[in-house]
Amino acid sequence: MSDAPRVGVVTFPGSLDDVDAQRAVRLSDATPVRLWHADDDLQNVDAVILPGGFSYGDYLRCGAIARFTTIMDAVVDAAKGGLPVLGICNGFQVLCEAHLLPGALVRNDHQQFICRDQKLRIENAETAWTRQFSQGEEIIIPLKNGEGGYIADEATLDRLEAEQRVVFRYLDGNPNGSRRDIAGIANEAGNVVGLMPHPEHAVEMGYGPDTAGGTRTGIDGQRIFTSALQALVGV
């Protein structure tokens, strides 16, 4: 049996990027474990990813129904116990709806779906999912969402800033009206991180964003996944 860390990827009805997230895990030399929304346990995984997509068709409100699924009871309990959890796009929305992260994601201020390669700045390189980056490092990963505007009250925004819980910030233009250009945040312990851009689409040469090094050569998303492995096994 492999000693590689096992990373669970949850599939909800309407998930879109769960297979891509599993592939990103595999390319990081970890073992992806498929978790179904109706499962009542996490199969002893070492970390969990909530992928992008349109869980339950985004009916009612993005992530609002997914948070009540059976698997989320286990995810919330494990996250509170320190399990690394990453929410990507719709997964970020689910984490906010489940109150593992503060605030909410609302419709983009321009009322349009947006899809582009997005520059970000790493604001916190100490979380379980960013420790292979440098503080202030600039990266590019794809962004695609219609409801990616991060909002919270001023007191919450001030607390996130003061506690260095803003993990990713948009550069070269705010794509969706997110308050204070916030692209991703962490919980107080740093084991739970949510972000709107999609690191799983920037993990393999030939398929990532364009860079100065060539067309589709961007693989900045890879280190988000390998950061978790470093946190788990100390590599």
Foldseek 3Di string as FASTA:
>chain_A
DDPAAEEEEEDAVFADCSVLVQVLLVLLVHHYDYHYLQDQEDVPGQAYEYGDGQHVNCPPHQLQVSCPTNVNVHVVVVVVVPRFYEYEASGLQNCCNNVQDDFHWAFFPVQDWDKDWFKKFFCDQPALQRVVDDHGDIAIFIATDGGGATDDDPVSVVVQVVLSFQGIFTDPDQGGNHPPRGFKGHGNVRRYIYGHTDLSQFQDAPRTPADPVGHRGGNVSSSSSNSNSCVRPVD
